Amino acid sequence: MIGVRFRPQGRDPATGLDCVGLVWAAYAAAGCPLDAPRDYPLRGWCRERIVAALEAAGFRMVSDARDGDAALIALPAGQFHLGLIGCGRMVHAHAGLRRVVETPVDAQLLAAARWRLS
């Protein structure tokens, strides 16, 4: 899905994805469709609501690291972001670049909360 355009509330790689849509679309592509949260803001979505959405979809926070884990990243100003992490890289929907990108994992990403389907 690298290169797919960014679209707020996007759920379909054919029309665009946001960070939530990317994680849900990746799991669906792997044969594991999930119920996705709806009507969340691009900015200002509180951690409690994100955690509730992850848990409702069947994710559980884990302490070990595996390729393909969903990473919940706390950004400045109380903003949160989701991506898929593994093999020293993270795939995420980058609003500023307007597309899904792959980036190296840095210290901030290594410290991110990891979530996995239980």
Protein backbone atom coordinates (compact mmCIF):
# COMPACT_ATOMS: atom_id res chain seq x y z
CA MET A 1 0.00 0.00 0.00
CA ILE A 2 3.05 2.24 -0.08
CA GLY A 3 2.27 5.15 -2.38
CA VAL A 4 -1.51 5.03 -1.85
CA ARG A 5 -2.80 8.57 -1.48
CA PHE A 6 -3.72 9.99 1.92
CA ARG A 7 -7.41 10.69 2.51
CA PRO A 8 -8.96 11.58 5.89
CA GLN A 9 -11.33 8.79 6.99
CA GLY A 10 -10.03 6.76 4.03
CA ARG A 11 -10.70 3.02 4.24
CA ASP A 12 -10.07 1.83 0.69
CA PRO A 13 -6.61 1.74 -0.92
CA ALA A 14 -8.27 2.50 -4.27
CA THR A 15 -9.53 5.89 -3.04
CA GLY A 16 -7.10 6.73 -0.21
CA LEU A 17 -6.24 5.86 3.38
CA ASP A 18 -5.54 7.61 6.63
CA CYS A 19 -3.51 6.00 9.43
CA VAL A 20 -6.48 4.09 10.84
CA GLY A 21 -7.63 3.03 7.39
CA LEU A 22 -4.15 1.76 6.53
CA VAL A 23 -3.98 -0.55 9.55
CA TRP A 24 -7.52 -1.86 8.97
CA ALA A 25 -6.94 -2.27 5.20
CA ALA A 26 -3.65 -4.13 5.80
CA TYR A 27 -5.34 -6.61 8.13
CA ALA A 28 -8.21 -7.05 5.64
CA ALA A 29 -5.67 -7.71 2.85
CA ALA A 30 -4.09 -10.36 5.09
CA GLY A 31 -7.48 -12.09 5.39
CA CYS A 32 -8.46 -10.60 8.73
CA PRO A 33 -11.19 -7.95 8.19
CA LEU A 34 -11.94 -5.79 11.24
CA ASP A 35 -14.74 -3.42 12.22
CA ALA A 36 -13.23 0.06 11.82
CA PRO A 37 -14.04 3.08 13.96
CA ARG A 38 -15.98 5.85 12.24
CA ASP A 39 -16.27 9.61 12.54
CA TYR A 40 -13.04 10.30 14.38
CA PRO A 41 -11.23 13.61 13.95
CA LEU A 42 -7.98 13.94 11.99
CA ARG A 43 -6.55 15.80 14.98
CA GLY A 44 -7.50 15.71 18.63
CA TRP A 45 -8.66 12.10 18.89
CA CYS A 46 -7.99 11.29 22.55
CA ARG A 47 -5.91 8.26 23.52
CA GLU A 48 -8.80 6.67 25.39
CA ARG A 49 -10.99 6.59 22.25
CA ILE A 50 -8.15 5.19 20.14
CA VAL A 51 -7.46 2.48 22.70
CA ALA A 52 -11.19 1.66 22.86
CA ALA A 53 -11.32 1.36 19.04
CA LEU A 54 -8.27 -0.91 18.98
CA GLU A 55 -9.70 -3.10 21.74
CA ALA A 56 -13.13 -3.24 20.06
CA ALA A 57 -11.42 -4.54 16.90
CA GLY A 58 -9.69 -7.29 18.92
CA PHE A 59 -6.25 -5.72 19.42
CA ARG A 60 -4.41 -6.01 22.73
CA MET A 61 -1.39 -4.04 23.86
CA VAL A 62 1.74 -6.22 23.97
CA SER A 63 5.16 -5.82 25.55
CA ASP A 64 7.16 -7.86 23.03
CA ALA A 65 7.77 -6.77 19.44
CA ARG A 66 6.78 -8.65 16.29
CA ASP A 67 6.83 -7.60 12.67
CA GLY A 68 3.40 -6.34 11.65
CA ASP A 69 2.38 -4.98 15.04
CA ALA A 70 0.25 -1.85 15.01
CA ALA A 71 2.12 1.02 16.62
CA LEU A 72 0.28 3.76 18.51
CA ILE A 73 2.54 6.81 18.44
CA ALA A 74 2.07 9.83 20.68
CA LEU A 75 2.97 12.95 18.68
CA PRO A 76 3.45 16.49 20.00
CA ALA A 77 0.41 18.50 21.06
CA GLY A 78 -1.50 15.40 22.16
CA GLN A 79 -1.98 13.98 18.67
CA PHE A 80 -1.83 10.22 18.04
CA HIS A 81 -0.90 8.24 14.95
CA LEU A 82 -1.11 4.57 13.93
CA GLY A 83 1.20 2.59 11.68
CA LEU A 84 2.47 -0.91 11.02
CA ILE A 85 5.92 -1.58 12.40
CA GLY A 86 8.54 -4.24 11.80
CA CYS A 87 11.96 -5.08 10.35
CA GLY A 88 13.34 -1.67 11.30
CA ARG A 89 10.69 0.10 9.20
CA MET A 90 7.24 1.54 9.71
CA VAL A 91 4.51 1.91 7.10
CA HIS A 92 2.07 4.73 7.79
CA ALA A 93 -0.28 7.19 6.10
CA HIS A 94 1.56 10.53 6.18
CA ALA A 95 -0.85 13.48 6.08
CA GLY A 96 1.91 15.98 5.22
CA LEU A 97 3.26 13.93 2.30
CA ARG A 98 -0.30 13.01 1.27
CA ARG A 99 0.49 9.31 0.80
CA VAL A 100 1.36 6.04 2.53
CA VAL A 101 5.10 5.88 3.14
CA GLU A 102 7.72 3.57 4.63
CA THR A 103 10.15 5.16 7.10
CA PRO A 104 13.01 3.91 9.26
CA VAL A 105 12.20 3.16 12.88
CA ASP A 106 13.68 5.75 15.24
CA ALA A 107 13.75 6.02 19.04
CA GLN A 108 10.24 7.53 19.15
CA LEU A 109 8.84 4.60 17.18
CA LEU A 110 10.69 2.05 19.28
CA ALA A 111 8.98 3.55 22.34
CA ALA A 112 5.51 3.41 20.74
CA ALA A 113 2.84 1.22 22.27
CA ARG A 114 2.51 -1.99 20.23
CA TRP A 115 -0.83 -3.61 19.54
CA ARG A 116 -1.58 -7.06 18.14
CA LEU A 117 -4.72 -9.02 17.41
CA SER A 118 -5.38 -11.38 20.26
